[in-house]
Amino acid sequence: MSDVLIRIEELDMLLERAAQRGADEALRKIGLHDERAIEEIAGARIIGRALSRVQDRVAAMLTNTISAAVIAIIVGGLYVFFNKFMK
């Protein structure tokens, strides 16, 4: 078997070209190979951030609602308890 010698610069260039081809093929396979891909990815990120904010707000609203309900039950129980002893 014969040895093949290659300079580091040539190896780097070959690896970079192979990586670029692999990335191009991967993007092509998922449909992000055209000029609109950047816009589509940016739009997906915006939607993802908006969804995250909505989830945070829903969680906060649910927590506030449950807290208010617990306080209302406690206050109602105290009202009934003290009404029984005040009569």
Foldseek 3Di string as FASTA:
>chain_A
DDDDDDDPVVVVVVVVVVVVVVVLVVCVVVVQNDPCNVVVVVVVVVVVVVVVVVVVVVVVVVVVVVVVVVVVVVVVVVVVVVVVVVD
